[in-house]
Amino acid sequence: MSLLVHLQDKIRTTGATIGRLEAELCRHPDSMGVAANIVSLRKLHSKLDRDFGRAADEIGLDVLHYRLLEERPTAKALSRSVGTFQDALAVTYDALRHGPKLRRSISRSALAETELRVAYSYPGSFGVVFTVPNERLLIPEMQSYFDRAAETVLQLGKAHDRREVIVDVEKRAGRATLAAVYDWAKANAQSHTGAAVEWRRGEKARGEALIQEPEFVALSELLERIAKTVEEPITPTGTLVGADVSTGRFHFVTSNDEDIRGRFTDAISESQAAQLPGRYTAILRKTTDTTYATDEEEVSYFLEKLEQAR
């Protein structure tokens, strides 16, 4: 770990020196000496970056580069982009390890095992380098749960025009993953930023994605439009307390005091008269629409038939 800390300090110092020299070059654009020093320091920075990756790998850490496609992002844009990405990783990791998730609760172990820790930043299109623990398997080519989670999040991040990817991820990881990636896409769309993400083990890239602002916008809008619909028949017994044949609306209170309101067509009519109030068994079709983006459920009821309660 001492070597890793040493390299972090060297990289930070080198990066800061490059920044000062670049500012100096702006004031004196004809200075060949300053330009040459910048080139030399950039080569050193690249070497230190490679050394840092190898040192991290030796103690079981992967290195994740997260770059905002904006030279001077606001603090809010940076924190929202990185924070929602971290949440998406943790939710997806938890779902892949323990089974598909409908709600965005995250176990403590998943939070600890996907925690991104800041190592250093770099100038240009603003970027931050993180370290993250990642399981070492006996066969290097095999994917760990973190590998699969990161791959899934980045795949979803590029799925603005691929609904089949969204459907597949919901089957494997559940709605919670879609909702978490939606928050990541929405945060970047609202901040007008794109992101480039790459994670490495040593000097070898494990995965990467470059997502432009318009792609984040399109993905968030797509997830806001898509909803999963589930229909199921239910037959509660209770009291019909209201019905209006002109509007096709009814009001039913079950024996468990559940208040149900909905629509009907010919379940109540002149030929199918109903007593108000009257005790019945209601033959209902319950429809639940769940929006992928917010994971909110909207429930509606359609009355198909009334039967006298026994």
C-alpha atoms as a PDB file:
ATOM      1  CA  MET A   1       0.000   0.000   0.000  1.00  0.00           C
ATOM      2  CA  SER A   2       2.928   2.376   0.731  1.00  0.00           C
ATOM      3  CA  LEU A   3       4.019   2.111  -2.927  1.00  0.00           C
ATOM      4  CA  LEU A   4       0.481   2.973  -4.058  1.00  0.00           C
ATOM      5  CA  VAL A   5       0.394   6.064  -1.826  1.00  0.00           C
ATOM      6  CA  HIS A   6       3.828   7.095  -3.080  1.00  0.00           C
ATOM      7  CA  LEU A   7       2.717   6.822  -6.692  1.00  0.00           C
ATOM      8  CA  GLN A   8      -0.492   8.751  -5.951  1.00  0.00           C
ATOM      9  CA  ASP A   9       1.569  11.609  -4.522  1.00  0.00           C
ATOM     10  CA  LYS A  10       3.925  11.588  -7.516  1.00  0.00           C
ATOM     11  CA  ILE A  11       1.021  11.621  -9.970  1.00  0.00           C
ATOM     12  CA  ARG A  12      -0.724  14.459  -8.141  1.00  0.00           C
ATOM     13  CA  THR A  13       2.490  16.518  -8.011  1.00  0.00           C
ATOM     14  CA  THR A  14       3.199  15.882 -11.692  1.00  0.00           C
ATOM     15  CA  GLY A  15      -0.362  16.768 -12.675  1.00  0.00           C
ATOM     16  CA  ALA A  16      -0.239  20.002 -10.675  1.00  0.00           C
ATOM     17  CA  THR A  17       3.069  20.955 -12.312  1.00  0.00           C
ATOM     18  CA  ILE A  18       1.625  20.286 -15.767  1.00  0.00           C
ATOM     19  CA  GLY A  19      -1.303  22.548 -14.905  1.00  0.00           C
ATOM     20  CA  ARG A  20       0.987  25.400 -13.832  1.00  0.00           C
ATOM     21  CA  LEU A  21       3.137  25.049 -16.949  1.00  0.00           C
ATOM     22  CA  GLU A  22       0.088  25.008 -19.226  1.00  0.00           C
ATOM     23  CA  ALA A  23      -1.079  28.261 -17.619  1.00  0.00           C
ATOM     24  CA  GLU A  24       2.408  29.662 -18.166  1.00  0.00           C
ATOM     25  CA  LEU A  25       2.334  28.574 -21.813  1.00  0.00           C
ATOM     26  CA  CYS A  26      -0.953  30.448 -22.301  1.00  0.00           C
ATOM     27  CA  ARG A  27       0.787  33.620 -21.138  1.00  0.00           C
ATOM     28  CA  HIS A  28       3.932  32.905 -23.192  1.00  0.00           C
ATOM     29  CA  PRO A  29       2.816  30.789 -26.192  1.00  0.00           C
ATOM     30  CA  ASP A  30       6.218  31.108 -27.921  1.00  0.00           C
ATOM     31  CA  SER A  31       8.186  29.570 -25.039  1.00  0.00           C
ATOM     32  CA  MET A  32       9.780  26.420 -26.457  1.00  0.00           C
ATOM     33  CA  GLY A  33      11.246  25.498 -23.069  1.00  0.00           C
ATOM     34  CA  VAL A  34       7.844  25.461 -21.328  1.00  0.00           C
ATOM     35  CA  ALA A  35       6.319  23.429 -24.169  1.00  0.00           C
ATOM     36  CA  ALA A  36       9.154  20.898 -24.007  1.00  0.00           C
ATOM     37  CA  ASN A  37       8.765  20.553 -20.238  1.00  0.00           C
ATOM     38  CA  ILE A  38       5.036  19.890 -20.637  1.00  0.00           C
ATOM     39  CA  VAL A  39       5.710  17.117 -23.161  1.00  0.00           C
ATOM     40  CA  SER A  40       8.291  15.558 -20.857  1.00  0.00           C
ATOM     41  CA  LEU A  41       5.995  15.722 -17.827  1.00  0.00           C
ATOM     42  CA  ARG A  42       3.099  14.201 -19.754  1.00  0.00           C
ATOM     43  CA  LYS A  43       5.299  11.212 -20.606  1.00  0.00           C
ATOM     44  CA  LEU A  44       6.220  10.904 -16.923  1.00  0.00           C
ATOM     45  CA  HIS A  45       2.538  11.148 -15.950  1.00  0.00           C
ATOM     46  CA  SER A  46       1.668   8.304 -18.340  1.00  0.00           C
ATOM     47  CA  LYS A  47       4.446   6.126 -16.930  1.00  0.00           C
ATOM     48  CA  LEU A  48       3.354   6.816 -13.359  1.00  0.00           C
ATOM     49  CA  ASP A  49      -0.227   5.980 -14.317  1.00  0.00           C
ATOM     50  CA  ARG A  50       0.887   2.579 -15.653  1.00  0.00           C
ATOM     51  CA  ASP A  51       3.001   1.966 -12.543  1.00  0.00           C
ATOM     52  CA  PHE A  52       0.008   2.848 -10.366  1.00  0.00           C
ATOM     53  CA  GLY A  53      -2.167   0.322 -12.200  1.00  0.00           C
ATOM     54  CA  ARG A  54       0.364  -2.457 -11.689  1.00  0.00           C
ATOM     55  CA  ALA A  55       0.805  -1.605  -7.998  1.00  0.00           C
ATOM     56  CA  ALA A  56      -2.965  -1.565  -7.447  1.00  0.00           C
ATOM     57  CA  ASP A  57      -3.324  -4.940  -9.164  1.00  0.00           C
ATOM     58  CA  GLU A  58      -0.766  -6.499  -6.840  1.00  0.00           C
ATOM     59  CA  ILE A  59      -2.976  -5.741  -3.804  1.00  0.00           C
ATOM     60  CA  GLY A  60      -6.283  -6.754  -5.418  1.00  0.00           C
ATOM     61  CA  LEU A  61      -7.504  -3.375  -6.645  1.00  0.00           C
ATOM     62  CA  ASP A  62      -8.796  -2.426 -10.068  1.00  0.00           C
ATOM     63  CA  VAL A  63      -8.462   1.131 -11.361  1.00  0.00           C
ATOM     64  CA  LEU A  64     -11.467   2.972 -12.744  1.00  0.00           C
ATOM     65  CA  HIS A  65     -11.089   6.127 -14.824  1.00  0.00           C
ATOM     66  CA  TYR A  66     -14.187   8.363 -14.825  1.00  0.00           C
ATOM     67  CA  ARG A  67     -13.974  11.356 -17.144  1.00  0.00           C
ATOM     68  CA  LEU A  68     -16.617  14.051 -17.565  1.00  0.00           C
ATOM     69  CA  LEU A  69     -16.710  15.374 -21.118  1.00  0.00           C
ATOM     70  CA  GLU A  70     -16.513  18.923 -19.814  1.00  0.00           C
ATOM     71  CA  GLU A  71     -13.328  20.852 -19.091  1.00  0.00           C
ATOM     72  CA  ARG A  72     -14.661  22.764 -16.081  1.00  0.00           C
ATOM     73  CA  PRO A  73     -17.664  20.948 -14.614  1.00  0.00           C
ATOM     74  CA  THR A  74     -19.484  22.396 -11.629  1.00  0.00           C
ATOM     75  CA  ALA A  75     -19.129  20.679  -8.262  1.00  0.00           C
ATOM     76  CA  LYS A  76     -22.804  19.696  -8.442  1.00  0.00           C
ATOM     77  CA  ALA A  77     -22.450  18.167 -11.915  1.00  0.00           C
ATOM     78  CA  LEU A  78     -19.387  16.167 -10.850  1.00  0.00           C
ATOM     79  CA  SER A  79     -20.861  14.903  -7.576  1.00  0.00           C
ATOM     80  CA  ARG A  80     -24.196  13.930  -9.172  1.00  0.00           C
ATOM     81  CA  SER A  81     -22.557  12.165 -12.102  1.00  0.00           C
ATOM     82  CA  VAL A  82     -20.108  10.154  -9.986  1.00  0.00           C
ATOM     83  CA  GLY A  83     -22.575   9.577  -7.139  1.00  0.00           C
ATOM     84  CA  THR A  84     -25.342   8.163  -9.337  1.00  0.00           C
ATOM     85  CA  PHE A  85     -22.800   6.008 -11.179  1.00  0.00           C
ATOM     86  CA  GLN A  86     -21.603   4.606  -7.840  1.00  0.00           C
ATOM     87  CA  ASP A  87     -25.223   3.839  -6.844  1.00  0.00           C
ATOM     88  CA  ALA A  88     -25.882   2.124 -10.174  1.00  0.00           C
ATOM     89  CA  LEU A  89     -22.804  -0.071  -9.701  1.00  0.00           C
ATOM     90  CA  ALA A  90     -23.790  -1.051  -6.155  1.00  0.00           C
ATOM     91  CA  VAL A  91     -27.436  -1.835  -7.010  1.00  0.00           C
ATOM     92  CA  THR A  92     -26.451  -3.892 -10.062  1.00  0.00           C
ATOM     93  CA  TYR A  93     -23.707  -5.752  -8.179  1.00  0.00           C
ATOM     94  CA  ASP A  94     -26.142  -6.605  -5.374  1.00  0.00           C
ATOM     95  CA  ALA A  95     -28.759  -7.813  -7.869  1.00  0.00           C
ATOM     96  CA  LEU A  96     -26.342  -9.996  -9.826  1.00  0.00           C
ATOM     97  CA  ARG A  97     -24.898 -11.498  -6.642  1.00  0.00           C
ATOM     98  CA  HIS A  98     -28.119 -12.076  -4.704  1.00  0.00           C
ATOM     99  CA  GLY A  99     -30.876 -12.111  -7.325  1.00  0.00           C
ATOM    100  CA  PRO A 100     -32.961  -9.564  -9.287  1.00  0.00           C
ATOM    101  CA  LYS A 101     -34.126  -6.589  -7.218  1.00  0.00           C
ATOM    102  CA  LEU A 102     -37.449  -4.777  -7.457  1.00  0.00           C
ATOM    103  CA  ARG A 103     -36.500  -2.105  -4.898  1.00  0.00           C
ATOM    104  CA  ARG A 104     -33.307  -0.113  -4.596  1.00  0.00           C
ATOM    105  CA  SER A 105     -32.186  -1.336  -1.186  1.00  0.00           C
ATOM    106  CA  ILE A 106     -28.461  -2.118  -1.104  1.00  0.00           C
ATOM    107  CA  SER A 107     -26.808  -4.515   1.327  1.00  0.00           C
ATOM    108  CA  ARG A 108     -23.851  -3.271   3.379  1.00  0.00           C
ATOM    109  CA  SER A 109     -21.617  -5.877   1.778  1.00  0.00           C
ATOM    110  CA  ALA A 110     -22.501  -4.662  -1.721  1.00  0.00           C
ATOM    111  CA  LEU A 111     -21.750  -1.062  -0.746  1.00  0.00           C
ATOM    112  CA  ALA A 112     -18.353  -2.040   0.659  1.00  0.00           C
ATOM    113  CA  GLU A 113     -17.454  -4.295  -2.271  1.00  0.00           C
ATOM    114  CA  THR A 114     -18.199  -1.647  -4.929  1.00  0.00           C
ATOM    115  CA  GLU A 115     -16.900   1.423  -3.094  1.00  0.00           C
ATOM    116  CA  LEU A 116     -14.965   3.753  -5.385  1.00  0.00           C
ATOM    117  CA  ARG A 117     -12.069   5.467  -3.613  1.00  0.00           C
ATOM    118  CA  VAL A 118     -10.477   8.576  -5.110  1.00  0.00           C
ATOM    119  CA  ALA A 119      -6.848   8.129  -6.123  1.00  0.00           C
ATOM    120  CA  TYR A 120      -6.126  11.267  -8.172  1.00  0.00           C
ATOM    121  CA  SER A 121      -7.601  13.545 -10.831  1.00  0.00           C
ATOM    122  CA  TYR A 122      -6.279  14.761 -14.139  1.00  0.00           C
ATOM    123  CA  PRO A 123      -6.841  17.897 -16.252  1.00  0.00           C
ATOM    124  CA  GLY A 124      -8.303  18.345 -19.725  1.00  0.00           C
ATOM    125  CA  SER A 125     -11.818  16.958 -19.967  1.00  0.00           C
ATOM    126  CA  PHE A 126     -12.045  16.600 -16.206  1.00  0.00           C
ATOM    127  CA  GLY A 127     -11.329  13.092 -14.970  1.00  0.00           C
ATOM    128  CA  VAL A 128     -11.030  11.250 -11.671  1.00  0.00           C
ATOM    129  CA  VAL A 129      -9.207   7.967 -11.089  1.00  0.00           C
ATOM    130  CA  PHE A 130     -10.646   5.604  -8.495  1.00  0.00           C
ATOM    131  CA  THR A 131      -9.536   2.321  -7.005  1.00  0.00           C
ATOM    132  CA  VAL A 132     -12.080  -0.418  -6.316  1.00  0.00           C
ATOM    133  CA  PRO A 133     -11.681  -3.901  -4.825  1.00  0.00           C
ATOM    134  CA  ASN A 134     -12.294  -6.684  -7.341  1.00  0.00           C
ATOM    135  CA  GLU A 135     -12.200 -10.401  -6.721  1.00  0.00           C
ATOM    136  CA  ARG A 136      -9.284 -12.293  -8.317  1.00  0.00           C
ATOM    137  CA  LEU A 137     -10.511 -15.582  -9.796  1.00  0.00           C
ATOM    138  CA  LEU A 138      -8.424 -18.643 -10.554  1.00  0.00           C
ATOM    139  CA  ILE A 139      -9.093 -18.198 -14.266  1.00  0.00           C
ATOM    140  CA  PRO A 140      -8.265 -14.570 -15.185  1.00  0.00           C
ATOM    141  CA  GLU A 141     -10.644 -14.596 -18.156  1.00  0.00           C
ATOM    142  CA  MET A 142     -13.640 -15.312 -15.912  1.00  0.00           C
ATOM    143  CA  GLN A 143     -15.768 -12.353 -14.870  1.00  0.00           C
ATOM    144  CA  SER A 144     -16.206 -11.420 -11.226  1.00  0.00           C
ATOM    145  CA  TYR A 145     -19.503 -10.009  -9.962  1.00  0.00           C
ATOM    146  CA  PHE A 146     -17.985  -6.526 -10.164  1.00  0.00           C
ATOM    147  CA  ASP A 147     -16.928  -7.122 -13.782  1.00  0.00           C
ATOM    148  CA  ARG A 148     -20.466  -8.176 -14.643  1.00  0.00           C
ATOM    149  CA  ALA A 149     -22.001  -5.246 -12.780  1.00  0.00           C
ATOM    150  CA  ALA A 150     -19.756  -2.679 -14.456  1.00  0.00           C
ATOM    151  CA  GLU A 151     -20.348  -4.277 -17.858  1.00  0.00           C
ATOM    152  CA  THR A 152     -24.118  -4.189 -17.292  1.00  0.00           C
ATOM    153  CA  VAL A 153     -24.163  -0.527 -16.214  1.00  0.00           C
ATOM    154  CA  LEU A 154     -22.033   0.587 -19.163  1.00  0.00           C
ATOM    155  CA  GLN A 155     -24.100  -1.529 -21.559  1.00  0.00           C
ATOM    156  CA  LEU A 156     -27.276   0.117 -20.278  1.00  0.00           C
ATOM    157  CA  GLY A 157     -25.647   3.529 -20.538  1.00  0.00           C
ATOM    158  CA  LYS A 158     -25.341   2.983 -24.310  1.00  0.00           C
ATOM    159  CA  ALA A 159     -28.835   1.467 -24.717  1.00  0.00           C
ATOM    160  CA  HIS A 160     -30.724   4.613 -25.715  1.00  0.00           C
ATOM    161  CA  ASP A 161     -31.807   2.976 -28.979  1.00  0.00           C
ATOM    162  CA  ARG A 162     -31.784  -0.699 -27.914  1.00  0.00           C
ATOM    163  CA  ARG A 163     -34.879  -1.743 -25.990  1.00  0.00           C
ATOM    164  CA  GLU A 164     -33.836  -5.380 -26.119  1.00  0.00           C
ATOM    165  CA  VAL A 165     -30.887  -4.550 -23.831  1.00  0.00           C
ATOM    166  CA  ILE A 166     -33.240  -2.945 -21.315  1.00  0.00           C
ATOM    167  CA  VAL A 167     -35.562  -5.957 -21.352  1.00  0.00           C
ATOM    168  CA  ASP A 168     -32.629  -8.362 -20.921  1.00  0.00           C
ATOM    169  CA  VAL A 169     -31.176  -6.422 -17.970  1.00  0.00           C
ATOM    170  CA  GLU A 170     -34.551  -6.318 -16.236  1.00  0.00           C
ATOM    171  CA  LYS A 171     -34.740 -10.118 -16.457  1.00  0.00           C
ATOM    172  CA  ARG A 172     -31.220 -10.600 -15.098  1.00  0.00           C
ATOM    173  CA  ALA A 173     -31.001  -7.815 -12.511  1.00  0.00           C
ATOM    174  CA  GLY A 174     -34.512  -6.468 -11.937  1.00  0.00           C
ATOM    175  CA  ARG A 175     -36.200  -3.075 -12.140  1.00  0.00           C
ATOM    176  CA  ALA A 176     -33.989  -1.561  -9.438  1.00  0.00           C
ATOM    177  CA  THR A 177     -30.978  -1.611 -11.771  1.00  0.00           C
ATOM    178  CA  LEU A 178     -32.956   0.187 -14.486  1.00  0.00           C
ATOM    179  CA  ALA A 179     -34.082   2.839 -12.003  1.00  0.00           C
ATOM    180  CA  ALA A 180     -30.510   3.363 -10.759  1.00  0.00           C
ATOM    181  CA  VAL A 181     -29.080   3.705 -14.280  1.00  0.00           C
ATOM    182  CA  TYR A 182     -31.939   6.085 -15.110  1.00  0.00           C
ATOM    183  CA  ASP A 183     -30.802   8.342 -12.237  1.00  0.00           C
ATOM    184  CA  TRP A 184     -27.257   8.287 -13.672  1.00  0.00           C
ATOM    185  CA  ALA A 185     -28.481   9.155 -17.167  1.00  0.00           C
ATOM    186  CA  LYS A 186     -30.834  11.870 -15.873  1.00  0.00           C
ATOM    187  CA  ALA A 187     -28.122  13.474 -13.725  1.00  0.00           C
ATOM    188  CA  ASN A 188     -25.795  13.820 -16.725  1.00  0.00           C
ATOM    189  CA  ALA A 189     -28.609  14.936 -19.034  1.00  0.00           C
ATOM    190  CA  GLN A 190     -29.628  17.703 -16.631  1.00  0.00           C
ATOM    191  CA  SER A 191     -25.999  18.817 -16.197  1.00  0.00           C
ATOM    192  CA  HIS A 192     -25.400  18.701 -19.985  1.00  0.00           C
ATOM    193  CA  THR A 193     -22.409  16.404 -19.578  1.00  0.00           C
ATOM    194  CA  GLY A 194     -21.214  13.198 -21.136  1.00  0.00           C
ATOM    195  CA  ALA A 195     -18.955  10.630 -19.500  1.00  0.00           C
ATOM    196  CA  ALA A 196     -16.131   8.309 -20.499  1.00  0.00           C
ATOM    197  CA  VAL A 197     -15.605   5.332 -18.188  1.00  0.00           C
ATOM    198  CA  GLU A 198     -12.809   2.771 -18.305  1.00  0.00           C
ATOM    199  CA  TRP A 199     -11.778   0.238 -15.708  1.00  0.00           C
ATOM    200  CA  ARG A 200      -8.496  -1.610 -15.786  1.00  0.00           C
ATOM    201  CA  ARG A 201      -6.681  -4.416 -14.038  1.00  0.00           C
ATOM    202  CA  GLY A 202      -3.001  -3.625 -14.175  1.00  0.00           C
ATOM    203  CA  GLU A 203      -2.409  -2.395 -17.708  1.00  0.00           C
ATOM    204  CA  LYS A 204      -5.272  -4.401 -19.214  1.00  0.00           C
ATOM    205  CA  ALA A 205      -8.628  -2.765 -19.894  1.00  0.00           C
ATOM    206  CA  ARG A 206     -11.605  -4.722 -18.490  1.00  0.00           C
ATOM    207  CA  GLY A 207     -14.292  -2.534 -20.057  1.00  0.00           C
ATOM    208  CA  GLU A 208     -15.048   0.956 -21.279  1.00  0.00           C
ATOM    209  CA  ALA A 209     -17.763   3.212 -22.664  1.00  0.00           C
ATOM    210  CA  LEU A 210     -17.974   6.773 -23.955  1.00  0.00           C
ATOM    211  CA  ILE A 211     -21.472   8.220 -23.573  1.00  0.00           C
ATOM    212  CA  GLN A 212     -22.237  11.650 -25.007  1.00  0.00           C
ATOM    213  CA  GLU A 213     -24.781  14.027 -23.487  1.00  0.00           C
ATOM    214  CA  PRO A 214     -27.399  13.366 -26.241  1.00  0.00           C
ATOM    215  CA  GLU A 215     -27.163   9.632 -25.487  1.00  0.00           C
ATOM    216  CA  PHE A 216     -27.855  10.244 -21.792  1.00  0.00           C
ATOM    217  CA  VAL A 217     -30.819  12.447 -22.741  1.00  0.00           C
ATOM    218  CA  ALA A 218     -32.228   9.808 -25.114  1.00  0.00           C
ATOM    219  CA  LEU A 219     -31.754   7.016 -22.553  1.00  0.00           C
ATOM    220  CA  SER A 220     -33.479   8.909 -19.728  1.00  0.00           C
ATOM    221  CA  GLU A 221     -36.399   9.792 -22.018  1.00  0.00           C
ATOM    222  CA  LEU A 222     -36.702   6.192 -23.211  1.00  0.00           C
ATOM    223  CA  LEU A 223     -36.783   4.843 -19.651  1.00  0.00           C
ATOM    224  CA  GLU A 224     -39.405   7.449 -18.741  1.00  0.00           C
ATOM    225  CA  ARG A 225     -41.633   6.179 -21.558  1.00  0.00           C
ATOM    226  CA  ILE A 226     -41.258   2.437 -21.032  1.00  0.00           C
ATOM    227  CA  ALA A 227     -43.528   0.782 -18.509  1.00  0.00           C
ATOM    228  CA  LYS A 228     -44.121  -2.839 -17.643  1.00  0.00           C
ATOM    229  CA  THR A 229     -47.784  -3.848 -17.492  1.00  0.00           C
ATOM    230  CA  VAL A 230     -49.018  -6.757 -15.385  1.00  0.00           C
ATOM    231  CA  GLU A 231     -52.675  -7.825 -15.425  1.00  0.00           C
ATOM    232  CA  GLU A 232     -54.231 -10.190 -12.910  1.00  0.00           C
ATOM    233  CA  PRO A 233     -57.799 -11.234 -12.034  1.00  0.00           C
ATOM    234  CA  ILE A 234     -58.970 -10.663  -8.464  1.00  0.00           C
ATOM    235  CA  THR A 235     -62.304 -11.534  -6.840  1.00  0.00           C
ATOM    236  CA  PRO A 236     -62.768  -9.605  -3.585  1.00  0.00           C
ATOM    237  CA  THR A 237     -65.999  -9.728  -1.613  1.00  0.00           C
ATOM    238  CA  GLY A 238     -67.406  -6.539  -0.164  1.00  0.00           C
ATOM    239  CA  THR A 239     -69.881  -3.722  -0.653  1.00  0.00           C
ATOM    240  CA  LEU A 240     -70.648  -1.807  -3.841  1.00  0.00           C
ATOM    241  CA  VAL A 241     -71.113   1.715  -2.484  1.00  0.00           C
ATOM    242  CA  GLY A 242     -71.200   3.725  -5.707  1.00  0.00           C
ATOM    243  CA  ALA A 243     -71.694   3.382  -9.459  1.00  0.00           C
ATOM    244  CA  ASP A 244     -72.402   5.810 -12.313  1.00  0.00           C
ATOM    245  CA  VAL A 245     -73.507   4.270 -15.616  1.00  0.00           C
ATOM    246  CA  SER A 246     -73.038   7.585 -17.453  1.00  0.00           C
ATOM    247  CA  THR A 247     -69.323   7.839 -16.603  1.00  0.00           C
ATOM    248  CA  GLY A 248     -68.686   4.103 -16.193  1.00  0.00           C
ATOM    249  CA  ARG A 249     -67.130   4.584 -12.744  1.00  0.00           C
ATOM    250  CA  PHE A 250     -67.622   2.429  -9.631  1.00  0.00           C
ATOM    251  CA  HIS A 251     -66.641   2.434  -5.967  1.00  0.00           C
ATOM    252  CA  PHE A 252     -66.221  -0.830  -4.066  1.00  0.00           C
ATOM    253  CA  VAL A 253     -65.123  -1.458  -0.457  1.00  0.00           C
ATOM    254  CA  THR A 254     -63.811  -4.946   0.288  1.00  0.00           C
ATOM    255  CA  SER A 255     -64.412  -6.935   3.454  1.00  0.00           C
ATOM    256  CA  ASN A 256     -60.871  -5.930   4.493  1.00  0.00           C
ATOM    257  CA  ASP A 257     -61.783  -2.228   4.109  1.00  0.00           C
ATOM    258  CA  GLU A 258     -59.718  -1.830   0.939  1.00  0.00           C
ATOM    259  CA  ASP A 259     -61.053   1.026  -1.146  1.00  0.00           C
ATOM    260  CA  ILE A 260     -61.260   0.142  -4.856  1.00  0.00           C
ATOM    261  CA  ARG A 261     -62.319   2.583  -7.573  1.00  0.00           C
ATOM    262  CA  GLY A 262     -62.271   1.955 -11.290  1.00  0.00           C
ATOM    263  CA  ARG A 263     -64.190   1.622 -14.522  1.00  0.00           C
ATOM    264  CA  PHE A 264     -66.805  -0.676 -16.029  1.00  0.00           C
ATOM    265  CA  THR A 265     -68.754  -0.960 -19.268  1.00  0.00           C
ATOM    266  CA  ASP A 266     -71.657  -3.422 -19.065  1.00  0.00           C
ATOM    267  CA  ALA A 267     -71.080  -5.008 -15.638  1.00  0.00           C
ATOM    268  CA  ILE A 268     -73.759  -2.587 -14.365  1.00  0.00           C
ATOM    269  CA  SER A 269     -76.569  -1.544 -16.702  1.00  0.00           C
ATOM    270  CA  GLU A 270     -80.324  -1.599 -17.100  1.00  0.00           C
ATOM    271  CA  SER A 271     -80.173  -5.304 -17.815  1.00  0.00           C
ATOM    272  CA  GLN A 272     -77.509  -5.885 -15.142  1.00  0.00           C
ATOM    273  CA  ALA A 273     -78.945  -3.827 -12.303  1.00  0.00           C
ATOM    274  CA  ALA A 274     -77.048  -3.498  -9.039  1.00  0.00           C
ATOM    275  CA  GLN A 275     -78.215  -2.513  -5.585  1.00  0.00           C
ATOM    276  CA  LEU A 276     -76.561   0.404  -3.806  1.00  0.00           C
ATOM    277  CA  PRO A 277     -75.280  -0.307  -1.287  1.00  0.00           C
ATOM    278  CA  GLY A 278     -75.119  -4.012  -2.031  1.00  0.00           C
ATOM    279  CA  ARG A 279     -72.937  -6.910  -0.975  1.00  0.00           C
ATOM    280  CA  TYR A 280     -71.211  -8.633  -3.902  1.00  0.00           C
ATOM    281  CA  THR A 281     -68.225 -10.595  -5.076  1.00  0.00           C
ATOM    282  CA  ALA A 282     -66.555  -8.385  -7.679  1.00  0.00           C
ATOM    283  CA  ILE A 283     -64.866  -9.985 -10.692  1.00  0.00           C
ATOM    284  CA  LEU A 284     -62.094  -7.459 -11.329  1.00  0.00           C
ATOM    285  CA  ARG A 285     -59.125  -7.098 -13.647  1.00  0.00           C
ATOM    286  CA  LYS A 286     -56.286  -5.391 -11.814  1.00  0.00           C
ATOM    287  CA  THR A 287     -53.656  -3.694 -14.005  1.00  0.00           C
ATOM    288  CA  THR A 288     -50.306  -2.559 -12.588  1.00  0.00           C
ATOM    289  CA  ASP A 289     -48.097  -0.295 -14.700  1.00  0.00           C
ATOM    290  CA  THR A 290     -44.536   0.136 -13.414  1.00  0.00           C
ATOM    291  CA  THR A 291     -42.365   2.839 -14.983  1.00  0.00           C
ATOM    292  CA  TYR A 292     -38.779   1.664 -15.431  1.00  0.00           C
ATOM    293  CA  ALA A 293     -37.387   5.129 -14.736  1.00  0.00           C
ATOM    294  CA  THR A 294     -38.941   5.844 -11.350  1.00  0.00           C
ATOM    295  CA  ASP A 295     -40.008   2.332 -10.309  1.00  0.00           C
ATOM    296  CA  GLU A 296     -43.385   3.839  -9.369  1.00  0.00           C
ATOM    297  CA  GLU A 297     -46.501   1.684  -9.682  1.00  0.00           C
ATOM    298  CA  GLU A 298     -49.859   2.860 -11.018  1.00  0.00           C
ATOM    299  CA  VAL A 299     -52.765   0.498 -10.326  1.00  0.00           C
ATOM    300  CA  SER A 300     -56.139   0.549 -12.088  1.00  0.00           C
ATOM    301  CA  TYR A 301     -59.217  -1.682 -11.849  1.00  0.00           C
ATOM    302  CA  PHE A 302     -61.814  -2.768 -14.392  1.00  0.00           C
ATOM    303  CA  LEU A 303     -65.070  -4.332 -13.174  1.00  0.00           C
ATOM    304  CA  GLU A 304     -66.043  -7.243 -15.396  1.00  0.00           C
ATOM    305  CA  LYS A 305     -68.926  -8.711 -13.390  1.00  0.00           C
ATOM    306  CA  LEU A 306     -70.771  -8.625 -10.077  1.00  0.00           C
ATOM    307  CA  GLU A 307     -72.009 -11.743  -8.320  1.00  0.00           C
ATOM    308  CA  GLN A 308     -74.232 -11.882  -5.261  1.00  0.00           C
ATOM    309  CA  ALA A 309     -72.099 -12.646  -2.228  1.00  0.00           C
ATOM    310  CA  ARG A 310     -72.852 -15.879  -0.454  1.00  0.00           C
END
